[in-house]
Amino acid sequence: MTDRLKDKVALVIGASRGIGKAIAVRFKEEGAKLVLADFDDEAGRAAADEIGADFVRTDISKMDDAVAAVELTLERHGRCRTPASIPGN
């Protein structure tokens, strides 16, 4: 893989399985720093552990959860340049 996303920070919402997880894996392969967010706490934590990313449980339909996901991303990495939202896949 290339380093096309080296030093970029991505918040991937809906990342516990399916397309969202595949995107997170590819972003990591391309050098991105990641925060994964998902409604499914158990699967989300497992995906984050497997990929080597931070995780935050997020119900994206709730503004407080969405804000918390962005805040965690900013707290851990100082910025978020590449948001990806794939809920319900």
C-alpha atoms as a PDB file:
ATOM      1  CA  MET A   1       0.000   0.000   0.000  1.00  0.00           C
ATOM      2  CA  THR A   2       0.939   3.623  -0.329  1.00  0.00           C
ATOM      3  CA  ASP A   3       1.082   6.245   2.378  1.00  0.00           C
ATOM      4  CA  ARG A   4      -1.663   8.360   0.798  1.00  0.00           C
ATOM      5  CA  LEU A   5      -3.271   8.943   4.185  1.00  0.00           C
ATOM      6  CA  LYS A   6      -0.080   9.183   6.238  1.00  0.00           C
ATOM      7  CA  ASP A   7      -0.549  11.596   9.141  1.00  0.00           C
ATOM      8  CA  LYS A   8      -4.245  12.058   8.271  1.00  0.00           C
ATOM      9  CA  VAL A   9      -6.855  11.428  10.938  1.00  0.00           C
ATOM     10  CA  ALA A  10     -10.080   9.618  10.091  1.00  0.00           C
ATOM     11  CA  LEU A  11     -13.255   9.175  12.112  1.00  0.00           C
ATOM     12  CA  VAL A  12     -15.091   6.183  10.642  1.00  0.00           C
ATOM     13  CA  ILE A  13     -18.711   5.872  11.776  1.00  0.00           C
ATOM     14  CA  GLY A  14     -20.325   2.455  11.298  1.00  0.00           C
ATOM     15  CA  ALA A  15     -16.947   0.722  11.460  1.00  0.00           C
ATOM     16  CA  SER A  16     -17.683  -2.476  13.388  1.00  0.00           C
ATOM     17  CA  ARG A  17     -18.375  -4.637  10.318  1.00  0.00           C
ATOM     18  CA  GLY A  18     -19.056  -4.688   6.601  1.00  0.00           C
ATOM     19  CA  ILE A  19     -18.206  -1.729   4.394  1.00  0.00           C
ATOM     20  CA  GLY A  20     -17.369   0.535   7.339  1.00  0.00           C
ATOM     21  CA  LYS A  21     -14.825  -1.918   8.727  1.00  0.00           C
ATOM     22  CA  ALA A  22     -13.343  -2.481   5.267  1.00  0.00           C
ATOM     23  CA  ILE A  23     -12.907   1.265   4.850  1.00  0.00           C
ATOM     24  CA  ALA A  24     -11.247   1.513   8.269  1.00  0.00           C
ATOM     25  CA  VAL A  25      -8.856  -1.332   7.402  1.00  0.00           C
ATOM     26  CA  ARG A  26      -7.934   0.319   4.100  1.00  0.00           C
ATOM     27  CA  PHE A  27      -7.467   3.730   5.708  1.00  0.00           C
ATOM     28  CA  LYS A  28      -5.122   2.144   8.270  1.00  0.00           C
ATOM     29  CA  GLU A  29      -3.198   0.384   5.486  1.00  0.00           C
ATOM     30  CA  GLU A  30      -2.820   3.765   3.802  1.00  0.00           C
ATOM     31  CA  GLY A  31      -1.322   5.259   6.972  1.00  0.00           C
ATOM     32  CA  ALA A  32      -4.273   7.021   8.617  1.00  0.00           C
ATOM     33  CA  LYS A  33      -4.702   7.401  12.346  1.00  0.00           C
ATOM     34  CA  LEU A  34      -8.183   6.170  13.194  1.00  0.00           C
ATOM     35  CA  VAL A  35     -11.074   6.531  15.561  1.00  0.00           C
ATOM     36  CA  LEU A  36     -13.837   4.000  14.968  1.00  0.00           C
ATOM     37  CA  ALA A  37     -17.396   4.755  16.031  1.00  0.00           C
ATOM     38  CA  ASP A  38     -20.322   2.364  16.098  1.00  0.00           C
ATOM     39  CA  PHE A  39     -23.558   1.612  17.932  1.00  0.00           C
ATOM     40  CA  ASP A  40     -22.449  -2.001  18.566  1.00  0.00           C
ATOM     41  CA  ASP A  41     -20.018  -1.651  21.467  1.00  0.00           C
ATOM     42  CA  GLU A  42     -18.718  -5.227  21.470  1.00  0.00           C
ATOM     43  CA  ALA A  43     -18.145  -5.509  17.714  1.00  0.00           C
ATOM     44  CA  GLY A  44     -16.757  -1.971  17.551  1.00  0.00           C
ATOM     45  CA  ARG A  45     -14.192  -2.623  20.261  1.00  0.00           C
ATOM     46  CA  ALA A  46     -13.196  -5.886  18.594  1.00  0.00           C
ATOM     47  CA  ALA A  47     -12.732  -4.120  15.244  1.00  0.00           C
ATOM     48  CA  ALA A  48     -10.713  -1.332  16.871  1.00  0.00           C
ATOM     49  CA  ASP A  49      -8.463  -3.847  18.632  1.00  0.00           C
ATOM     50  CA  GLU A  50      -7.977  -5.801  15.405  1.00  0.00           C
ATOM     51  CA  ILE A  51      -7.171  -2.702  13.344  1.00  0.00           C
ATOM     52  CA  GLY A  52      -5.210  -0.816  15.997  1.00  0.00           C
ATOM     53  CA  ALA A  53      -7.547   2.150  16.436  1.00  0.00           C
ATOM     54  CA  ASP A  54      -9.416   4.042  19.127  1.00  0.00           C
ATOM     55  CA  PHE A  55     -13.127   3.301  19.572  1.00  0.00           C
ATOM     56  CA  VAL A  56     -16.120   5.240  20.810  1.00  0.00           C
ATOM     57  CA  ARG A  57     -19.642   3.834  21.105  1.00  0.00           C
ATOM     58  CA  THR A  58     -21.832   6.138  19.032  1.00  0.00           C
ATOM     59  CA  ASP A  59     -25.493   6.250  18.136  1.00  0.00           C
ATOM     60  CA  ILE A  60     -25.109   8.683  15.268  1.00  0.00           C
ATOM     61  CA  SER A  61     -28.802   9.586  15.450  1.00  0.00           C
ATOM     62  CA  LYS A  62     -28.058  11.305  18.785  1.00  0.00           C
ATOM     63  CA  MET A  63     -26.296  14.662  18.611  1.00  0.00           C
ATOM     64  CA  ASP A  64     -24.511  14.141  21.950  1.00  0.00           C
ATOM     65  CA  ASP A  65     -22.989  10.874  20.681  1.00  0.00           C
ATOM     66  CA  ALA A  66     -21.900  12.486  17.406  1.00  0.00           C
ATOM     67  CA  VAL A  67     -20.263  15.348  19.293  1.00  0.00           C
ATOM     68  CA  ALA A  68     -18.527  12.883  21.654  1.00  0.00           C
ATOM     69  CA  ALA A  69     -17.076  10.967  18.685  1.00  0.00           C
ATOM     70  CA  VAL A  70     -15.640  14.142  17.176  1.00  0.00           C
ATOM     71  CA  GLU A  71     -14.375  15.316  20.577  1.00  0.00           C
ATOM     72  CA  LEU A  72     -12.568  12.003  21.178  1.00  0.00           C
ATOM     73  CA  THR A  73     -10.972  12.238  17.738  1.00  0.00           C
ATOM     74  CA  LEU A  74      -9.773  15.774  18.423  1.00  0.00           C
ATOM     75  CA  GLU A  75      -8.586  14.840  21.926  1.00  0.00           C
ATOM     76  CA  ARG A  76      -6.556  11.854  20.713  1.00  0.00           C
ATOM     77  CA  HIS A  77      -5.238  13.269  17.446  1.00  0.00           C
ATOM     78  CA  GLY A  78      -5.730  17.023  17.492  1.00  0.00           C
ATOM     79  CA  ARG A  79      -7.661  17.101  14.219  1.00  0.00           C
ATOM     80  CA  CYS A  80     -10.012  15.177  11.959  1.00  0.00           C
ATOM     81  CA  ARG A  81      -9.479  15.581   8.216  1.00  0.00           C
ATOM     82  CA  THR A  82     -11.220  12.501   6.874  1.00  0.00           C
ATOM     83  CA  PRO A  83     -14.663  11.744   8.311  1.00  0.00           C
ATOM     84  CA  ALA A  84     -16.458   8.701   6.878  1.00  0.00           C
ATOM     85  CA  SER A  85     -20.003   7.811   7.827  1.00  0.00           C
ATOM     86  CA  ILE A  86     -21.301   4.369   6.810  1.00  0.00           C
ATOM     87  CA  PRO A  87     -24.094   3.680   9.307  1.00  0.00           C
ATOM     88  CA  GLY A  88     -26.394   0.705   8.892  1.00  0.00           C
ATOM     89  CA  ASN A  89     -24.269  -1.346   6.523  1.00  0.00           C
END
